[in-house]
C-alpha atoms as a PDB file:
ATOM      1  CA  MET A   1      -5.348   0.168  -3.014  1.00  0.00           C
ATOM      2  CA  GLN A   2      -3.008  -0.181  -6.065  1.00  0.00           C
ATOM      3  CA  GLN A   3       0.689   0.011  -5.769  1.00  0.00           C
ATOM      4  CA  ASN A   4       0.536   3.322  -7.771  1.00  0.00           C
ATOM      5  CA  ASP A   5      -1.774   4.635  -5.122  1.00  0.00           C
ATOM      6  CA  PHE A   6       0.808   4.087  -2.465  1.00  0.00           C
ATOM      7  CA  TYR A   7       3.442   5.799  -4.394  1.00  0.00           C
ATOM      8  CA  SER A   8       1.309   8.956  -4.499  1.00  0.00           C
ATOM      9  CA  THR A   9       0.622   9.110  -0.698  1.00  0.00           C
ATOM     10  CA  ASN A  10       2.255  11.984   1.175  1.00  0.00           C
ATOM     11  CA  GLU A  11       4.146   9.373   3.349  1.00  0.00           C
ATOM     12  CA  PHE A  12       5.789   7.847   0.288  1.00  0.00           C
ATOM     13  CA  GLN A  13       6.598  11.183  -1.271  1.00  0.00           C
ATOM     14  CA  LYS A  14       8.385  12.331   1.843  1.00  0.00           C
ATOM     15  CA  LEU A  15      10.679   9.383   1.757  1.00  0.00           C
ATOM     16  CA  ASN A  16      14.407   9.883   0.852  1.00  0.00           C
ATOM     17  CA  PRO A  17      14.531   9.346  -2.999  1.00  0.00           C
ATOM     18  CA  LEU A  18      16.854   6.325  -2.405  1.00  0.00           C
ATOM     19  CA  LYS A  19      14.317   4.643  -0.104  1.00  0.00           C
ATOM     20  CA  GLN A  20      11.638   5.452  -2.756  1.00  0.00           C
ATOM     21  CA  LYS A  21      13.762   3.660  -5.318  1.00  0.00           C
ATOM     22  CA  ILE A  22      14.477   0.683  -3.041  1.00  0.00           C
ATOM     23  CA  ILE A  23      10.757   0.167  -2.285  1.00  0.00           C
ATOM     24  CA  LYS A  24       9.810   0.376  -5.941  1.00  0.00           C
ATOM     25  CA  GLU A  25      12.496  -2.063  -6.975  1.00  0.00           C
ATOM     26  CA  LEU A  26      11.584  -4.461  -4.184  1.00  0.00           C
ATOM     27  CA  VAL A  27       7.789  -4.223  -5.184  1.00  0.00           C
ATOM     28  CA  ASN A  28       8.616  -4.803  -8.848  1.00  0.00           C
ATOM     29  CA  ASN A  29      10.889  -7.792  -8.150  1.00  0.00           C
ATOM     30  CA  SER A  30       8.445  -9.329  -5.564  1.00  0.00           C
ATOM     31  CA  GLN A  31       5.251  -9.506  -7.600  1.00  0.00           C
ATOM     32  CA  ASN A  32       3.782 -13.013  -7.214  1.00  0.00           C
ATOM     33  CA  ALA A  33       6.767 -13.955  -5.057  1.00  0.00           C
ATOM     34  CA  SER A  34       6.400 -16.144  -1.939  1.00  0.00           C
ATOM     35  CA  VAL A  35       6.972 -14.984   1.518  1.00  0.00           C
ATOM     36  CA  GLU A  36      10.044 -17.221   1.736  1.00  0.00           C
ATOM     37  CA  THR A  37      11.459 -15.382  -1.417  1.00  0.00           C
ATOM     38  CA  MET A  38      10.650 -11.881  -0.123  1.00  0.00           C
ATOM     39  CA  ILE A  39      12.206 -12.237   3.395  1.00  0.00           C
ATOM     40  CA  PRO A  40      15.892 -12.591   2.112  1.00  0.00           C
ATOM     41  CA  LYS A  41      15.239  -9.508  -0.204  1.00  0.00           C
ATOM     42  CA  ILE A  42      13.953  -7.386   2.668  1.00  0.00           C
ATOM     43  CA  MET A  43      16.944  -8.369   4.729  1.00  0.00           C
ATOM     44  CA  SER A  44      19.458  -7.541   2.006  1.00  0.00           C
ATOM     45  CA  ILE A  45      17.744  -4.092   1.612  1.00  0.00           C
ATOM     46  CA  ASN A  46      18.263  -3.495   5.267  1.00  0.00           C
ATOM     47  CA  THR A  47      21.962  -4.382   4.921  1.00  0.00           C
ATOM     48  CA  GLU A  48      22.342  -2.210   1.998  1.00  0.00           C
ATOM     49  CA  LEU A  49      20.708   0.802   3.863  1.00  0.00           C
ATOM     50  CA  LYS A  50      23.034   0.292   6.790  1.00  0.00           C
ATOM     51  CA  ARG A  51      25.975   0.288   4.476  1.00  0.00           C
ATOM     52  CA  ARG A  52      24.871   3.734   3.317  1.00  0.00           C
ATOM     53  CA  ASN A  53      24.077   4.920   6.881  1.00  0.00           C
ATOM     54  CA  LEU A  54      20.415   4.817   6.247  1.00  0.00           C
ATOM     55  CA  SER A  55      17.457   2.895   7.736  1.00  0.00           C
ATOM     56  CA  PHE A  56      13.716   2.648   7.452  1.00  0.00           C
ATOM     57  CA  THR A  57      11.825   4.088  10.322  1.00  0.00           C
ATOM     58  CA  LYS A  58       8.986   1.930  11.848  1.00  0.00           C
ATOM     59  CA  SER A  59       6.465   4.039   9.830  1.00  0.00           C
ATOM     60  CA  GLU A  60       8.540   3.699   6.528  1.00  0.00           C
ATOM     61  CA  SER A  61       8.847  -0.143   7.264  1.00  0.00           C
ATOM     62  CA  ARG A  62       5.084  -0.336   7.708  1.00  0.00           C
ATOM     63  CA  LEU A  63       4.448   1.504   4.419  1.00  0.00           C
ATOM     64  CA  MET A  64       6.857  -0.896   2.604  1.00  0.00           C
ATOM     65  CA  ILE A  65       5.192  -3.990   4.233  1.00  0.00           C
ATOM     66  CA  ASN A  66       1.737  -2.562   3.304  1.00  0.00           C
ATOM     67  CA  ILE A  67       2.709  -2.136  -0.305  1.00  0.00           C
ATOM     68  CA  LEU A  68       4.377  -5.614  -0.547  1.00  0.00           C
ATOM     69  CA  THR A  69       1.585  -7.513   1.179  1.00  0.00           C
ATOM     70  CA  LYS A  70      -1.460  -5.912  -0.414  1.00  0.00           C
ATOM     71  CA  ASP A  71      -2.347  -9.047  -2.397  1.00  0.00           C
ATOM     72  CA  MET A  72      -1.152 -11.667  -0.013  1.00  0.00           C
ATOM     73  CA  SER A  73      -3.395 -14.030   1.964  1.00  0.00           C
ATOM     74  CA  ALA A  74      -3.956 -13.357   5.671  1.00  0.00           C
ATOM     75  CA  VAL A  75      -1.692 -16.262   6.495  1.00  0.00           C
ATOM     76  CA  ASP A  76       1.235 -14.845   4.426  1.00  0.00           C
ATOM     77  CA  LYS A  77       0.653 -11.363   5.775  1.00  0.00           C
ATOM     78  CA  SER A  78       0.845 -12.738   9.379  1.00  0.00           C
ATOM     79  CA  LYS A  79       4.210 -14.439   8.510  1.00  0.00           C
ATOM     80  CA  ILE A  80       5.589 -11.196   7.219  1.00  0.00           C
ATOM     81  CA  ASP A  81       4.366  -9.374  10.387  1.00  0.00           C
ATOM     82  CA  MET A  82       5.861 -11.832  12.615  1.00  0.00           C
ATOM     83  CA  ILE A  83       9.310 -11.721  10.911  1.00  0.00           C
ATOM     84  CA  MET A  84       9.211  -7.918  10.745  1.00  0.00           C
ATOM     85  CA  SER A  85       8.541  -7.775  14.569  1.00  0.00           C
ATOM     86  CA  MET A  86      11.816  -9.603  14.945  1.00  0.00           C
ATOM     87  CA  MET A  87      13.830  -7.198  13.031  1.00  0.00           C
END
């Protein structure tokens, strides 16, 4: 599934527009990025959302992770899943 395909899903379309924007920016800035580079970005997004009294639901977080990891190796995906389970 292409990134644009994710953007056209009902789940993505139902997101708060700010959350949509954040996910799109993260995806655009994370193409070809390593897991080690992406983790601080994801954490800073969570901090920014909290500052605005927003947060991603588990479902929204899963959608974001699916978009971000679509081209990753199984090893990198498992690293992301492990880190996300601790958040």
